[in-house]
């Protein structure tokens, strides 16, 4: 539903190369970011990234933290529809590792916008990052790769549903830089953590 990175300038390809990021060094460039299809081996890390957003924020309207089997079902559903489920890896020694030895810093997938068959060429995007890797180009790389993959799958319209909460603020400029435009607002459609939450609908034609 949202990406929490601080977007870096301009769209990026699925693999973004640079020198390793060094916290506190203003001259350090972005780390190497590699986007690839998710596998079942990535799902524990996907679950780990998602859980705090479900448990602690209104960024997602999910209220129950998904376990790994639930994410396995989600991966199966997405891929069975011919849609992408991607992860972004960065080189970060000592962190939670993917099967390749890099760290999964975020994930993104496309899902059916609505169940009725005439909506089959429209998809909704979902992007989440580990906040420790926000602002380093991970969200940019994920969204670039996701849009390329959904276009190849025959999707014509992509919709992003962004909760109007401070924690999701980074998602709006990220999507706008990729050509998404605001298509509407739904007022007080979510109730979570004792508050009513609006959603902003963004749309891009491929």
Protein backbone atom coordinates (compact mmCIF):
# COMPACT_ATOMS: atom_id res chain seq x y z
CA UNK A 1 0.00 0.00 0.00
CA UNK A 2 2.85 2.38 0.72
CA UNK A 3 6.56 2.91 0.42
CA UNK A 4 8.32 4.70 3.25
CA UNK A 5 11.60 5.59 1.55
CA UNK A 6 12.75 9.12 0.91
CA UNK A 7 12.75 8.95 -2.88
CA UNK A 8 15.99 9.52 -4.73
CA UNK A 9 15.90 11.62 -7.92
CA UNK A 10 14.50 10.08 -11.05
CA UNK A 11 13.45 6.57 -12.05
CA UNK A 12 16.09 3.88 -11.72
CA UNK A 13 16.60 0.52 -13.40
CA UNK A 14 16.04 -2.71 -11.54
CA UNK A 15 19.72 -2.88 -10.56
CA UNK A 16 21.23 0.29 -9.14
CA UNK A 17 24.98 0.28 -8.62
CA UNK A 18 27.04 2.39 -6.24
CA UNK A 19 29.51 2.19 -3.42
CA UNK A 20 28.35 0.80 -0.08
CA UNK A 21 26.38 3.27 2.01
CA UNK A 22 28.21 4.48 5.11
CA UNK A 23 25.84 6.00 7.69
CA UNK A 24 26.84 9.49 8.64
CA UNK A 25 29.00 10.01 5.55
CA UNK A 26 27.31 12.66 3.36
CA UNK A 27 29.56 11.74 0.43
CA UNK A 28 28.60 8.06 0.43
CA UNK A 29 26.61 7.00 -2.63
CA UNK A 30 23.68 4.63 -2.66
CA UNK A 31 24.37 0.94 -2.09
CA UNK A 32 24.01 -1.68 -4.77
CA UNK A 33 20.29 -2.46 -5.08
CA UNK A 34 19.21 -5.56 -6.97
CA UNK A 35 15.56 -6.34 -7.63
CA UNK A 36 14.55 -9.92 -8.38
CA UNK A 37 11.48 -12.17 -8.15
CA UNK A 38 10.67 -13.29 -4.62
CA UNK A 39 11.00 -16.94 -3.66
CA UNK A 40 9.62 -18.90 -0.73
CA UNK A 41 13.00 -18.47 0.97
CA UNK A 42 12.43 -14.69 1.12
CA UNK A 43 9.11 -14.93 2.92
CA UNK A 44 10.39 -14.93 6.52
CA UNK A 45 12.15 -11.65 5.77
CA UNK A 46 9.06 -10.27 3.98
CA UNK A 47 7.00 -11.14 7.05
CA UNK A 48 9.57 -9.45 9.28
CA UNK A 49 9.46 -6.22 7.25
CA UNK A 50 5.65 -6.16 7.10
CA UNK A 51 4.88 -6.91 10.75
CA UNK A 52 5.69 -3.50 12.33
CA UNK A 53 3.59 -1.67 9.75
CA UNK A 54 0.60 -3.86 10.54
CA UNK A 55 1.11 -3.83 14.29
CA UNK A 56 2.16 -0.22 14.90
CA UNK A 57 0.88 2.01 12.07
CA UNK A 58 -2.12 2.89 9.90
CA UNK A 59 -0.04 2.66 6.71
CA UNK A 60 -1.76 -0.65 6.00
CA UNK A 61 -5.34 -1.45 6.90
CA UNK A 62 -4.40 -5.02 7.76
CA UNK A 63 -4.89 -5.58 11.50
CA UNK A 64 -3.47 -9.09 11.91
CA UNK A 65 0.21 -9.78 11.34
CA UNK A 66 0.65 -12.42 8.64
CA UNK A 67 2.79 -15.45 9.39
CA UNK A 68 5.04 -17.07 6.78
CA UNK A 69 2.35 -19.53 5.55
CA UNK A 70 0.02 -16.58 4.89
CA UNK A 71 2.74 -14.90 2.86
CA UNK A 72 3.29 -18.15 1.00
CA UNK A 73 -0.38 -18.12 0.00
CA UNK A 74 -0.03 -14.49 -1.11
CA UNK A 75 3.01 -15.29 -3.23
CA UNK A 76 1.17 -18.20 -4.83
CA UNK A 77 -1.89 -16.06 -5.56
CA UNK A 78 0.11 -13.21 -7.10
CA UNK A 79 2.25 -15.42 -9.30
CA UNK A 80 -0.72 -17.61 -10.34
CA UNK A 81 -2.26 -14.47 -11.83
CA UNK A 82 0.91 -13.81 -13.82
CA UNK A 83 1.75 -10.75 -11.71
CA UNK A 84 5.10 -9.87 -10.13
CA UNK A 85 6.17 -10.29 -6.51
CA UNK A 86 9.63 -8.75 -6.14
CA UNK A 87 12.23 -8.22 -3.45
CA UNK A 88 15.07 -5.68 -3.35
CA UNK A 89 18.44 -6.74 -2.00
CA UNK A 90 21.27 -4.54 -0.77
CA UNK A 91 24.78 -5.41 0.34
CA UNK A 92 24.80 -5.00 4.12
CA UNK A 93 27.05 -7.44 5.97
CA UNK A 94 25.67 -8.62 9.27
CA UNK A 95 22.00 -8.01 8.49
CA UNK A 96 19.16 -10.48 7.84
CA UNK A 97 20.34 -12.33 4.75
CA UNK A 98 18.57 -13.55 1.65
CA UNK A 99 19.53 -16.83 -0.05
CA UNK A 100 22.12 -14.90 -2.10
CA UNK A 101 23.86 -13.51 0.99
CA UNK A 102 22.59 -9.95 0.50
CA UNK A 103 19.94 -8.33 2.69
CA UNK A 104 16.32 -8.08 1.56
CA UNK A 105 15.55 -4.42 2.23
CA UNK A 106 12.05 -4.25 0.77
CA UNK A 107 9.41 -5.97 -1.30
CA UNK A 108 6.76 -5.06 -3.85
CA UNK A 109 3.98 -6.88 -5.60
CA UNK A 110 1.01 -6.27 -7.87
CA UNK A 111 -2.43 -7.66 -7.15
CA UNK A 112 -5.81 -7.60 -8.83
CA UNK A 113 -7.48 -4.22 -8.40
CA UNK A 114 -10.96 -5.74 -8.25
CA UNK A 115 -12.23 -9.34 -8.57
CA UNK A 116 -14.65 -8.75 -11.47
CA UNK A 117 -13.13 -9.97 -14.76
CA UNK A 118 -13.42 -6.68 -16.66
CA UNK A 119 -10.83 -5.23 -14.26
CA UNK A 120 -8.23 -7.78 -15.36
CA UNK A 121 -5.97 -5.17 -17.02
CA UNK A 122 -5.80 -3.04 -13.86
CA UNK A 123 -3.54 -3.84 -10.91
CA UNK A 124 -2.81 -2.34 -7.49
CA UNK A 125 0.77 -1.94 -6.36
CA UNK A 126 2.10 -2.58 -2.86
CA UNK A 127 5.59 -1.54 -1.71
CA UNK A 128 7.16 -1.77 1.74
CA UNK A 129 10.71 -1.14 2.93
CA UNK A 130 12.68 -1.88 6.02
CA UNK A 131 12.91 1.67 7.48
CA UNK A 132 16.64 1.11 8.05
CA UNK A 133 17.06 1.18 4.26
CA UNK A 134 14.71 4.08 3.46
CA UNK A 135 16.06 7.01 1.48
CA UNK A 136 18.69 4.93 -0.32
CA UNK A 137 17.00 4.30 -3.66
CA UNK A 138 15.43 0.97 -2.73
CA UNK A 139 11.85 2.14 -3.25
CA UNK A 140 12.78 3.75 -6.56
CA UNK A 141 14.38 0.56 -7.83
CA UNK A 142 11.42 -1.56 -6.69
CA UNK A 143 8.77 0.64 -8.30
CA UNK A 144 10.72 0.88 -11.57
CA UNK A 145 11.03 -2.89 -11.76
CA UNK A 146 7.41 -3.47 -10.73
CA UNK A 147 6.04 -1.17 -13.43
CA UNK A 148 8.19 -2.85 -16.06
CA UNK A 149 6.99 -6.28 -14.95
CA UNK A 150 3.28 -5.43 -14.83
CA UNK A 151 3.47 -3.85 -18.28
CA UNK A 152 4.98 -7.08 -19.60
CA UNK A 153 2.10 -8.97 -17.94
CA UNK A 154 -0.47 -6.98 -19.92
CA UNK A 155 -1.53 -4.52 -17.23
CA UNK A 156 -2.71 -1.18 -18.63
CA UNK A 157 -3.56 0.74 -15.44
CA UNK A 158 -1.81 0.70 -12.06
CA UNK A 159 -3.53 2.03 -8.95
CA UNK A 160 -1.82 2.85 -5.67
CA UNK A 161 -3.88 3.25 -2.51
CA UNK A 162 -1.98 5.40 0.00
CA UNK A 163 -3.17 5.95 3.56
CA UNK A 164 -3.18 9.65 4.40
CA UNK A 165 -0.95 9.34 7.45
CA UNK A 166 2.49 10.85 8.13
CA UNK A 167 4.19 7.45 8.03
CA UNK A 168 3.15 7.03 4.38
CA UNK A 169 4.16 10.51 3.21
CA UNK A 170 7.12 9.23 1.18
CA UNK A 171 4.87 7.17 -1.06
CA UNK A 172 3.20 10.15 -2.72
CA UNK A 173 6.30 11.84 -4.23
CA UNK A 174 7.75 8.45 -5.16
CA UNK A 175 4.69 7.51 -7.21
CA UNK A 176 4.31 10.99 -8.70
CA UNK A 177 7.85 10.87 -10.03
CA UNK A 178 6.90 7.73 -11.90
CA UNK A 179 3.94 9.44 -13.56
CA UNK A 180 1.15 8.58 -11.13
CA UNK A 181 -1.55 11.23 -10.77
CA UNK A 182 -4.05 11.67 -7.98
CA UNK A 183 -7.36 10.12 -9.04
CA UNK A 184 -9.35 10.75 -5.89
CA UNK A 185 -9.67 10.58 -2.14
CA UNK A 186 -11.83 8.31 -0.02
CA UNK A 187 -12.70 9.94 3.28
CA UNK A 188 -12.59 8.03 6.57
CA UNK A 189 -12.76 4.61 4.92
CA UNK A 190 -10.40 2.96 7.40
CA UNK A 191 -10.58 2.75 11.20
CA UNK A 192 -7.47 1.53 12.98
CA UNK A 193 -5.73 2.32 16.26
CA UNK A 194 -8.70 4.41 17.34
CA UNK A 195 -8.69 6.79 14.37
CA UNK A 196 -10.42 7.27 11.03
CA UNK A 197 -8.08 7.32 8.04
CA UNK A 198 -8.53 8.64 4.49
CA UNK A 199 -6.93 7.01 1.47
CA UNK A 200 -5.51 8.77 -1.58
CA UNK A 201 -5.90 7.00 -4.92
CA UNK A 202 -3.07 7.40 -7.42
CA UNK A 203 -3.21 6.04 -10.96
CA UNK A 204 -0.81 5.56 -13.85
CA UNK A 205 -1.52 4.50 -17.42
CA UNK A 206 1.13 2.21 -18.88
